[in-house]
């Protein structure tokens, strides 16, 4: 099993697809990496030689910020937006969409499950208004 950037790549996948399992590398970046290293995109991960794996590793570490470093940088950017009190920071703080999407009818991915407010089942609250006075 090939270990690239501290992550085990799936053996039976093509190299261009397997590289996109790394956080921070998508399809275009994986093709750029393979072009720079001279590795064929159609080879399977299990068929890679040690030399090819080391070439891919050095290219990734030399040119790209991935996995933990990238996550830390993104979190630091979000924290900075929150601290300076920007609109985007306030949206992040309240766990709402930060890029202008509507939230009246959609946005459930970001907002979570619906929290119903003010509707109770009949008969579970106060006494009904039509009760006779004694």
Protein backbone atom coordinates (compact mmCIF):
# COMPACT_ATOMS: atom_id res chain seq x y z
CA UNK A 1 0.00 0.00 0.00
CA UNK A 2 1.39 3.39 -1.01
CA UNK A 3 1.74 5.92 1.76
CA UNK A 4 1.63 9.48 0.46
CA UNK A 5 1.59 12.56 2.69
CA UNK A 6 1.01 10.41 5.79
CA UNK A 7 -2.08 8.77 4.31
CA UNK A 8 -2.55 5.25 2.92
CA UNK A 9 -3.97 5.44 -0.58
CA UNK A 10 -6.54 2.83 -1.69
CA UNK A 11 -4.70 0.05 -3.57
CA UNK A 12 -7.10 -0.72 -6.37
CA UNK A 13 -7.82 2.85 -7.49
CA UNK A 14 -6.06 4.72 -10.27
CA UNK A 15 -3.37 7.08 -9.02
CA UNK A 16 -5.13 10.25 -10.20
CA UNK A 17 -8.28 9.29 -8.27
CA UNK A 18 -6.40 8.01 -5.21
CA UNK A 19 -4.46 11.27 -4.82
CA UNK A 20 -7.72 13.16 -4.47
CA UNK A 21 -8.34 11.27 -1.20
CA UNK A 22 -5.77 13.63 0.34
CA UNK A 23 -7.33 16.76 1.87
CA UNK A 24 -6.33 19.71 -0.28
CA UNK A 25 -5.79 17.75 -3.51
CA UNK A 26 -8.56 17.54 -6.06
CA UNK A 27 -8.71 16.12 -9.58
CA UNK A 28 -6.87 19.01 -11.26
CA UNK A 29 -4.13 19.17 -8.66
CA UNK A 30 -3.60 15.40 -8.83
CA UNK A 31 -3.19 15.64 -12.62
CA UNK A 32 -0.67 18.48 -12.15
CA UNK A 33 1.29 16.39 -9.64
CA UNK A 34 1.35 13.37 -11.95
CA UNK A 35 2.43 15.54 -14.90
CA UNK A 36 5.27 17.04 -12.85
CA UNK A 37 6.49 13.65 -11.66
CA UNK A 38 6.04 11.82 -14.96
CA UNK A 39 3.82 9.10 -13.50
CA UNK A 40 1.02 7.79 -15.72
CA UNK A 41 -2.45 8.64 -14.41
CA UNK A 42 -3.87 5.29 -15.51
CA UNK A 43 -1.59 3.16 -13.31
CA UNK A 44 -3.07 1.60 -10.19
CA UNK A 45 -1.70 2.46 -6.77
CA UNK A 46 -0.67 -1.16 -6.15
CA UNK A 47 1.51 -1.05 -9.30
CA UNK A 48 3.49 2.04 -8.27
CA UNK A 49 7.19 1.57 -7.65
CA UNK A 50 8.93 2.97 -4.58
CA UNK A 51 10.70 5.54 -6.78
CA UNK A 52 7.38 6.82 -8.16
CA UNK A 53 5.86 7.03 -4.68
CA UNK A 54 8.85 9.02 -3.42
CA UNK A 55 8.64 11.36 -6.45
CA UNK A 56 4.96 12.01 -5.73
CA UNK A 57 5.72 12.57 -2.03
CA UNK A 58 8.48 15.09 -2.73
CA UNK A 59 6.36 16.96 -5.31
CA UNK A 60 3.44 17.25 -2.88
CA UNK A 61 5.58 18.35 0.07
CA UNK A 62 7.49 20.84 -2.09
CA UNK A 63 4.56 22.49 -3.86
CA UNK A 64 1.35 22.15 -1.85
CA UNK A 65 -0.07 22.71 1.60
CA UNK A 66 -2.21 19.71 2.53
CA UNK A 67 -3.92 17.84 5.38
CA UNK A 68 -3.12 19.24 8.86
CA UNK A 69 -1.32 22.40 7.74
CA UNK A 70 -4.16 23.33 5.39
CA UNK A 71 -6.84 22.62 8.01
CA UNK A 72 -4.96 24.76 10.56
CA UNK A 73 -4.64 27.62 8.09
CA UNK A 74 -8.35 27.52 7.19
CA UNK A 75 -9.35 27.43 10.88
CA UNK A 76 -7.00 30.35 11.61
CA UNK A 77 -8.61 32.35 8.80
CA UNK A 78 -12.09 31.68 10.19
CA UNK A 79 -10.95 32.60 13.72
CA UNK A 80 -9.48 35.85 12.37
CA UNK A 81 -12.78 36.74 10.67
CA UNK A 82 -14.65 36.08 13.92
CA UNK A 83 -12.22 38.16 16.00
CA UNK A 84 -12.32 41.22 13.75
CA UNK A 85 -16.11 41.09 13.82
CA UNK A 86 -16.70 40.93 10.08
CA UNK A 87 -20.04 39.91 8.61
CA UNK A 88 -18.59 36.59 7.42
CA UNK A 89 -17.17 36.01 10.89
CA UNK A 90 -20.55 36.60 12.49
CA UNK A 91 -22.12 34.11 10.08
CA UNK A 92 -19.48 31.53 11.02
CA UNK A 93 -20.05 32.19 14.72
CA UNK A 94 -23.81 31.64 14.36
CA UNK A 95 -23.27 28.57 12.14
CA UNK A 96 -25.11 30.07 9.16
CA UNK A 97 -24.11 30.21 5.47
CA UNK A 98 -21.37 32.80 4.94
CA UNK A 99 -21.54 33.29 1.18
CA UNK A 100 -24.89 34.94 0.64
CA UNK A 101 -27.16 31.91 0.35
CA UNK A 102 -30.78 32.27 1.36
CA UNK A 103 -31.85 30.74 4.65
CA UNK A 104 -35.58 31.28 4.66
CA UNK A 105 -36.44 28.24 2.57
CA UNK A 106 -33.14 26.33 2.36
CA UNK A 107 -29.89 26.08 4.27
CA UNK A 108 -30.69 22.99 6.32
CA UNK A 109 -27.21 21.58 5.80
CA UNK A 110 -25.66 24.43 7.69
CA UNK A 111 -28.50 25.20 10.12
CA UNK A 112 -29.24 21.63 11.21
CA UNK A 113 -32.58 19.99 11.95
CA UNK A 114 -35.68 22.12 12.26
CA UNK A 115 -36.45 23.36 15.75
CA UNK A 116 -40.18 23.88 15.95
CA UNK A 117 -41.08 26.91 18.05
CA UNK A 118 -44.46 27.63 19.62
CA UNK A 119 -46.56 24.69 18.52
CA UNK A 120 -47.65 22.35 21.26
CA UNK A 121 -49.95 19.35 20.99
CA UNK A 122 -53.56 20.11 21.93
CA UNK A 123 -54.48 19.14 25.48
CA UNK A 124 -50.99 19.28 26.91
CA UNK A 125 -50.91 22.94 27.88
CA UNK A 126 -53.21 25.10 29.97
CA UNK A 127 -56.88 24.36 30.53
CA UNK A 128 -59.05 24.91 27.46
CA UNK A 129 -60.75 28.31 27.15
CA UNK A 130 -64.22 26.77 26.86
CA UNK A 131 -64.18 25.23 30.34
CA UNK A 132 -67.27 26.02 32.40
CA UNK A 133 -66.81 28.15 35.49
CA UNK A 134 -67.82 26.53 38.76
